[in-house]
Amino acid sequence: MRVLGLETSCDDTGVAVYDSDQGLLAHRLYSQTALHADYGGIVPELASRDHIRKLLPLIKTVMAAAGTAGDELDGIAYTAGPGLAGALLVGAAVGRSLAWAWGVPAVGVHHMEGHLLSPMLEAGPPAFPFLALLVSGGHTLLADVRGIGDYTILGETVDDAVGEAFDKTAKLLGLGYPGGPAIARAAEQGAPGRFYFPRPMTGRPGLEFSFSGLKTAVATVAQAQELDPRTVADIACAFQEAAVDTLRIKCQRALEQTGHARLVAAGGVSANARLREQLTEMAAARRARVYFPRLQFSTDNGAMIAYAGAMRLKAGQHETAAFTVHPRWELQKLGVPGASR
C-alpha cells in the first residue's frame, strides 16, 4: 500500500510518501519557526496561511522524489487533529480534494497516534505491547499500547505539557523560541547543582504529570537573580534536569506497573539528548529497551502520518466525502481500525 501523508496540525508543513512494502520513499518538511519567532510563539492565522502557501508545492516535490503519480497511490492520510483548527483544515481540505480527484480513499489521522507509531519507521521497530511516553508542546502522557488503536491512557498532565514548560521557561530566561532546543543549548553550558527545582508529583503514587509548579519555581528563582549568561545557563541546566528526571521517574513507575519491557518515547521533546540518555539508562537497568524515532521524525512530520494512515487504510478505514477536523481529540477514543467510517 502506497500512501501520501500530510501534516499541518501546527507550525510545520510535512509531506511524505510511504509504501508498506518498500518503506519511506520520500519526505519533506517546511518549518515555520522563523515566521513565529518574533512573536515568541505560534500565531494560528499566520500558521494557516503559510500551510496554504507551502503544502501543494511540497506535495509536488515529494511525489516527484518518490517517483509516484497520483493514480499510483492507494490512499491519502492527513492529520485531522488535535491541533490548530485552521491549520488542520488546510491539510484536510487538500488531502480530501486530492483523494477525490485521484479516486483513492482518504483517512484522517490522530496526530499523537502518528508520533506514537513513528518508531515503526526505523529498523528494528518495537513489537506490541509497549509503554509509550508522548511528550510535545501540547501533550504529556503515558499510554499502555496493545496494538494500533488499542491505547489505554495511564497518566497525563493536569496542567502544562512539558514542551510548553520548556517554551515558557525559555521565554522567561530570554532564550527565544522554540524553547526546547534553546533550553538544551543553554543547559550544556550550565553548572549542575547551583540550582535545584522540584520534581512535580513524583513524591506521591500515580502516573499524572504537572509542570506549572516547576515553571513557577523557575520564575521565582529567576526574579531573584541577575540574569547574566552564566546564571541563565545554570537555571536552564537545573530546569532541564528537573523536567527530564520527572519524566524518567514516571516512566520507570509505569514500566513497573505494566510489566512491559519496551518503552517508546516520541513527540518533539523526545529529541532532547538528556532525556534520551536518562531513559536509555533507566531502561537498561531494568533490562528493558527504549525506542526513539530518528531526530527528524521526533518533531511533527508527514512520514508518521503516512505510516499511521497506511495502517488504518490497510485495515479498511476511510473517510466519507465530507471531512471534519478535531482540534481536541482524545487518543484513547480512537479505536482499533477495521471498519469504514
Protein backbone atom coordinates (compact mmCIF):
# COMPACT_ATOMS: atom_id res chain seq x y z
CA MET A 1 0.00 0.00 0.00
CA ARG A 2 1.39 3.40 -1.05
CA VAL A 3 0.13 6.41 0.92
CA LEU A 4 0.67 10.16 0.74
CA GLY A 5 0.82 11.69 4.24
CA LEU A 6 0.08 15.35 5.05
CA GLU A 7 0.86 17.00 8.39
CA THR A 8 -0.45 20.53 9.08
CA SER A 9 -1.53 20.41 12.71
CA CYS A 10 0.53 23.33 13.94
CA ASP A 11 3.56 25.19 12.58
CA ASP A 12 5.27 22.56 10.40
CA THR A 13 4.16 21.55 6.92
CA GLY A 14 5.12 17.91 6.42
CA VAL A 15 4.60 15.69 3.38
CA ALA A 16 5.73 12.10 2.79
CA VAL A 17 5.07 9.03 0.65
CA TYR A 18 5.20 5.69 2.47
CA ASP A 19 5.00 2.26 0.86
CA SER A 20 4.16 -0.69 3.11
CA ASP A 21 6.47 -2.94 1.06
CA GLN A 22 9.33 -0.54 0.27
CA GLY A 23 9.22 1.75 3.30
CA LEU A 24 9.52 5.52 3.26
CA LEU A 25 10.02 6.68 -0.33
CA ALA A 26 10.34 10.46 0.16
CA HIS A 27 9.58 13.15 2.71
CA ARG A 28 9.97 16.91 3.13
CA LEU A 29 9.32 19.30 5.98
CA TYR A 30 8.92 23.05 5.96
CA SER A 31 9.31 24.70 9.36
CA GLN A 32 7.60 27.97 10.24
CA THR A 33 9.92 28.65 13.19
CA ALA A 34 11.35 31.83 11.65
CA LEU A 35 7.83 33.08 10.87
CA HIS A 36 6.69 32.86 14.50
CA ALA A 37 9.97 33.64 16.29
CA ASP A 38 9.29 37.39 16.55
CA TYR A 39 6.05 36.65 18.39
CA GLY A 40 7.58 34.25 20.92
CA GLY A 41 5.03 31.60 20.00
CA ILE A 42 2.72 30.34 17.27
CA VAL A 43 0.24 32.73 15.68
CA PRO A 44 -2.59 30.44 14.41
CA GLU A 45 -3.71 32.64 11.50
CA LEU A 46 -0.15 33.02 10.20
CA ALA A 47 0.36 29.26 10.52
CA SER A 48 -2.75 28.50 8.46
CA ARG A 49 -1.81 30.93 5.71
CA ASP A 50 1.69 29.53 5.45
CA HIS A 51 0.36 25.97 5.17
CA ILE A 52 -1.78 27.17 2.25
CA ARG A 53 1.30 28.60 0.53
CA LYS A 54 3.60 25.66 1.13
CA LEU A 55 1.52 22.48 1.03
CA LEU A 56 0.86 22.00 -2.69
CA PRO A 57 4.46 22.79 -3.76
CA LEU A 58 5.73 20.34 -1.14
CA ILE A 59 3.35 17.65 -2.38
CA LYS A 60 4.64 18.09 -5.95
CA THR A 61 8.25 17.89 -4.74
CA VAL A 62 7.69 14.78 -2.63
CA MET A 63 5.64 12.97 -5.27
CA ALA A 64 8.40 13.62 -7.81
CA ALA A 65 11.10 12.45 -5.39
CA ALA A 66 9.11 9.28 -4.70
CA GLY A 67 8.60 8.67 -8.41
CA THR A 68 4.89 8.41 -7.80
CA ALA A 69 1.91 9.77 -9.70
CA GLY A 70 -1.47 10.42 -8.13
CA ASP A 71 -3.09 7.40 -9.77
CA GLU A 72 -0.35 5.17 -8.31
CA LEU A 73 -1.33 5.99 -4.74
CA ASP A 74 -3.52 3.67 -2.69
CA GLY A 75 -4.66 6.40 -0.34
CA ILE A 76 -4.05 9.76 1.31
CA ALA A 77 -3.67 10.37 5.03
CA TYR A 78 -3.89 13.78 6.66
CA THR A 79 -3.76 14.97 10.25
CA ALA A 80 -7.34 15.51 11.42
CA GLY A 81 -6.46 16.53 14.98
CA PRO A 82 -5.65 17.51 17.58
CA GLY A 83 -4.13 20.86 16.67
CA LEU A 84 -4.97 24.34 15.43
CA ALA A 85 -8.37 24.29 13.72
CA GLY A 86 -7.38 26.46 10.76
CA ALA A 87 -4.12 24.61 10.16
CA LEU A 88 -5.88 21.23 10.35
CA LEU A 89 -8.49 22.36 7.84
CA VAL A 90 -5.80 23.18 5.28
CA GLY A 91 -4.42 19.64 5.31
CA ALA A 92 -7.86 18.04 5.47
CA ALA A 93 -9.23 20.09 2.55
CA VAL A 94 -6.21 19.44 0.35
CA GLY A 95 -5.97 15.77 1.29
CA ARG A 96 -9.65 15.06 0.76
CA SER A 97 -9.73 17.02 -2.51
CA LEU A 98 -6.74 15.18 -3.97
CA ALA A 99 -8.21 11.85 -2.89
CA TRP A 100 -11.44 12.73 -4.69
CA ALA A 101 -9.59 13.85 -7.82
CA TRP A 102 -7.34 10.78 -7.92
CA GLY A 103 -10.08 8.31 -6.98
CA VAL A 104 -8.38 6.94 -3.87
CA PRO A 105 -9.58 6.67 -0.25
CA ALA A 106 -8.56 9.19 2.40
CA VAL A 107 -8.22 8.85 6.16
CA GLY A 108 -7.88 11.39 8.95
CA VAL A 109 -5.06 10.53 11.36
CA HIS A 110 -4.71 11.40 15.04
CA HIS A 111 -1.57 13.50 15.40
CA MET A 112 -0.41 11.76 18.57
CA GLU A 113 -1.01 8.31 17.07
CA GLY A 114 1.38 9.40 14.35
CA HIS A 115 4.00 10.24 16.98
CA LEU A 116 3.31 7.03 18.89
CA LEU A 117 3.91 4.93 15.77
CA SER A 118 6.86 6.95 14.43
CA PRO A 119 9.49 4.47 15.74
CA MET A 120 7.90 1.91 13.41
CA LEU A 121 9.67 3.74 10.58
CA GLU A 122 13.04 2.69 11.98
CA ALA A 123 14.95 -0.56 11.56
CA GLY A 124 14.09 -2.99 14.35
CA PRO A 125 10.80 -1.38 15.43
CA PRO A 126 9.18 -2.25 18.77
CA ALA A 127 6.72 -5.12 18.96
CA PHE A 128 3.37 -4.76 20.71
CA PRO A 129 2.66 -4.39 23.57
CA PHE A 130 4.73 -1.49 24.87
CA LEU A 131 4.60 1.58 27.07
CA ALA A 132 4.55 4.92 25.25
CA LEU A 133 5.67 8.31 26.54
CA LEU A 134 4.30 11.06 24.30
CA VAL A 135 5.86 14.44 25.02
CA SER A 136 5.32 17.59 22.97
CA GLY A 137 4.31 21.22 23.23
CA GLY A 138 0.69 20.28 23.79
CA HIS A 139 0.82 16.78 25.26
CA THR A 140 2.48 14.83 28.04
CA LEU A 141 1.05 11.36 28.58
CA LEU A 142 1.84 7.72 29.24
CA ALA A 143 -0.11 5.05 27.36
CA ASP A 144 -0.30 1.28 27.50
CA VAL A 145 -0.17 0.29 23.82
CA ARG A 146 -1.53 -3.14 22.96
CA GLY A 147 -1.86 -2.62 19.22
CA ILE A 148 -2.76 0.03 16.69
CA GLY A 149 -5.74 1.88 18.12
CA ASP A 150 -5.71 -0.14 21.35
CA TYR A 151 -4.48 2.52 23.76
CA THR A 152 -5.09 2.96 27.47
CA ILE A 153 -4.01 6.28 28.97
CA LEU A 154 -2.18 5.63 32.23
CA GLY A 155 -1.44 9.22 33.11
CA GLU A 156 -1.26 12.68 31.57
CA THR A 157 -0.53 16.23 32.55
CA VAL A 158 -3.04 18.04 34.73
CA ASP A 159 -1.83 21.45 33.52
CA ASP A 160 1.09 22.46 31.28
CA ALA A 161 2.62 19.96 28.89
CA VAL A 162 6.36 19.52 29.29
CA GLY A 163 7.06 21.12 25.91
CA GLU A 164 5.00 24.12 26.95
CA ALA A 165 7.06 24.36 30.14
CA PHE A 166 10.25 24.38 28.04
CA ASP A 167 8.86 27.16 25.85
CA LYS A 168 7.70 29.30 28.77
CA THR A 169 10.96 28.84 30.67
CA ALA A 170 12.99 29.77 27.61
CA LYS A 171 10.92 32.92 27.17
CA LEU A 172 11.36 33.78 30.87
CA LEU A 173 15.14 33.43 30.51
CA GLY A 174 15.27 35.39 27.27
CA LEU A 175 16.42 32.38 25.24
CA GLY A 176 13.94 32.76 22.40
CA TYR A 177 11.66 30.39 20.52
CA PRO A 178 11.35 27.42 20.16
CA GLY A 179 12.14 26.78 23.81
CA GLY A 180 13.18 23.12 23.75
CA PRO A 181 16.34 23.47 21.66
CA ALA A 182 17.13 26.84 23.29
CA ILE A 183 16.99 25.38 26.81
CA ALA A 184 19.05 22.35 25.75
CA ARG A 185 21.79 24.54 24.24
CA ALA A 186 21.95 26.77 27.31
CA ALA A 187 21.93 23.78 29.67
CA GLU A 188 25.07 22.39 28.02
CA GLN A 189 26.95 25.42 29.37
CA GLY A 190 25.34 25.29 32.82
CA ALA A 191 26.85 24.13 36.10
CA PRO A 192 24.89 21.24 37.63
CA GLY A 193 23.99 21.72 41.27
CA ARG A 194 23.91 25.50 41.54
CA PHE A 195 20.11 25.47 41.44
CA TYR A 196 17.62 22.72 42.24
CA PHE A 197 13.97 22.60 41.18
CA PRO A 198 11.20 20.23 42.33
CA ARG A 199 10.21 17.06 40.51
CA PRO A 200 6.43 17.61 40.47
CA MET A 201 4.08 14.83 41.59
CA THR A 202 6.87 12.27 41.95
CA GLY A 203 6.53 12.05 45.72
CA ARG A 204 3.02 10.60 45.52
CA PRO A 205 1.60 7.49 43.83
CA GLY A 206 0.25 7.69 40.31
CA LEU A 207 1.34 8.50 36.78
CA GLU A 208 -0.10 12.00 36.35
CA PHE A 209 2.18 14.92 35.44
CA SER A 210 2.24 18.60 36.38
CA PHE A 211 4.67 21.21 35.11
CA SER A 212 3.09 24.54 36.03
CA GLY A 213 4.66 24.44 39.51
CA LEU A 214 8.08 23.76 38.03
CA LYS A 215 7.68 26.76 35.76
CA THR A 216 6.67 28.90 38.77
CA ALA A 217 9.71 27.70 40.75
CA VAL A 218 11.99 28.73 37.89
CA ALA A 219 10.30 32.14 37.69
CA THR A 220 10.76 32.69 41.41
CA VAL A 221 14.47 31.91 41.25
CA ALA A 222 15.00 33.91 38.05
CA GLN A 223 13.37 37.01 39.52
CA ALA A 224 15.80 36.91 42.45
CA GLN A 225 18.88 36.67 40.21
CA GLU A 226 20.77 38.90 37.88
CA LEU A 227 20.27 37.03 34.64
CA ASP A 228 23.78 37.11 33.24
CA PRO A 229 24.68 34.39 30.70
CA ARG A 230 26.21 32.11 33.36
CA THR A 231 23.15 32.29 35.61
CA VAL A 232 20.80 31.72 32.67
CA ALA A 233 22.78 28.62 31.69
CA ASP A 234 22.76 27.32 35.27
CA ILE A 235 18.99 27.83 35.62
CA ALA A 236 18.40 26.18 32.23
CA CYS A 237 20.50 23.22 33.32
CA ALA A 238 18.58 22.82 36.59
CA PHE A 239 15.21 23.16 34.85
CA GLN A 240 16.11 20.56 32.22
CA GLU A 241 17.30 18.15 34.91
CA ALA A 242 14.05 18.56 36.83
CA ALA A 243 11.86 18.06 33.76
CA VAL A 244 13.84 15.06 32.49
CA ASP A 245 14.06 13.48 35.93
CA THR A 246 10.30 13.79 36.35
CA LEU A 247 9.68 12.03 33.04
CA ARG A 248 12.21 9.32 33.90
CA ILE A 249 10.66 8.62 37.30
CA LYS A 250 7.17 8.35 35.85
CA CYS A 251 8.33 6.08 33.01
CA GLN A 252 10.09 3.78 35.46
CA ARG A 253 6.97 3.67 37.61
CA ALA A 254 4.82 2.87 34.55
CA LEU A 255 7.14 0.08 33.41
CA GLU A 256 6.90 -1.45 36.88
CA GLN A 257 3.11 -1.13 36.85
CA THR A 258 2.57 -2.63 33.39
CA GLY A 259 5.41 -5.15 33.38
CA HIS A 260 6.35 -4.08 29.86
CA ALA A 261 9.93 -4.48 28.67
CA ARG A 262 9.62 -1.95 25.85
CA LEU A 263 9.25 1.82 26.08
CA VAL A 264 8.58 4.16 23.16
CA ALA A 265 9.37 7.86 23.65
CA ALA A 266 8.09 10.14 20.91
CA GLY A 267 6.99 13.71 20.25
CA GLY A 268 9.06 16.86 19.95
CA VAL A 269 10.53 16.72 23.46
CA SER A 270 11.83 13.20 22.78
CA ALA A 271 14.54 14.85 20.69
CA ASN A 272 16.12 16.18 23.91
CA ALA A 273 19.50 14.49 24.27
CA ARG A 274 19.43 14.47 28.08
CA LEU A 275 16.01 12.78 28.08
CA ARG A 276 17.21 10.14 25.64
CA GLU A 277 20.26 9.47 27.80
CA GLN A 278 18.27 9.18 31.03
CA LEU A 279 15.54 6.96 29.59
CA THR A 280 18.08 4.68 27.93
CA GLU A 281 19.99 4.24 31.20
CA MET A 282 16.81 3.64 33.19
CA ALA A 283 15.52 1.06 30.70
CA ALA A 284 18.86 -0.77 30.59
CA ALA A 285 18.92 -1.01 34.38
CA ARG A 286 15.51 -2.71 34.19
CA ARG A 287 16.59 -4.99 31.32
CA ALA A 288 14.11 -3.16 29.15
CA ARG A 289 14.61 -1.33 25.87
CA VAL A 290 13.65 2.17 24.84
CA TYR A 291 12.79 3.12 21.25
CA PHE A 292 13.03 6.61 19.76
CA PRO A 293 12.22 7.92 16.30
CA ARG A 294 15.15 9.46 14.47
CA LEU A 295 15.60 13.13 15.40
CA GLN A 296 13.97 14.48 12.24
CA PHE A 297 10.86 12.40 12.98
CA SER A 298 10.65 13.40 16.64
CA THR A 299 9.08 16.69 15.69
CA ASP A 300 5.95 16.94 13.52
CA ASN A 301 6.39 15.32 10.09
CA GLY A 302 4.48 13.79 7.22
CA ALA A 303 6.19 10.39 7.43
CA MET A 304 4.49 9.43 10.69
CA ILE A 305 1.10 10.46 9.28
CA ALA A 306 1.68 8.44 6.10
CA TYR A 307 2.61 5.36 8.16
CA ALA A 308 -0.30 5.64 10.59
CA GLY A 309 -2.65 6.31 7.68
CA ALA A 310 -1.35 3.27 5.79
CA MET A 311 -2.07 1.03 8.77
CA ARG A 312 -5.64 2.32 9.05
CA LEU A 313 -6.33 2.29 5.32
CA LYS A 314 -4.97 -1.24 5.09
CA ALA A 315 -7.47 -2.27 7.76
CA GLY A 316 -10.31 -0.81 5.71
CA GLN A 317 -10.84 2.51 7.45
CA HIS A 318 -11.54 5.59 5.32
CA GLU A 319 -13.50 8.84 5.36
CA THR A 320 -16.72 9.76 3.62
CA ALA A 321 -16.77 12.54 1.01
CA ALA A 322 -17.34 15.05 3.80
CA PHE A 323 -14.48 15.77 6.17
CA THR A 324 -14.08 17.24 9.60
CA VAL A 325 -11.22 18.09 11.94
CA HIS A 326 -10.87 17.68 15.69
CA PRO A 327 -8.85 20.44 17.43
CA ARG A 328 -9.39 18.41 20.62
CA TRP A 329 -9.34 14.63 20.20
CA GLU A 330 -8.76 12.02 22.88
CA LEU A 331 -6.26 9.37 21.84
CA GLN A 332 -7.95 6.68 23.92
CA LYS A 333 -11.20 7.06 21.96
CA LEU A 334 -9.64 6.29 18.57
CA GLY A 335 -10.48 2.62 18.48
CA VAL A 336 -8.90 -0.27 16.61
CA PRO A 337 -9.05 0.14 12.82
CA GLY A 338 -11.04 -2.31 10.80
CA ALA A 339 -14.33 -0.68 9.88
CA SER A 340 -15.20 2.08 7.42
CA ARG A 341 -16.37 5.35 8.90
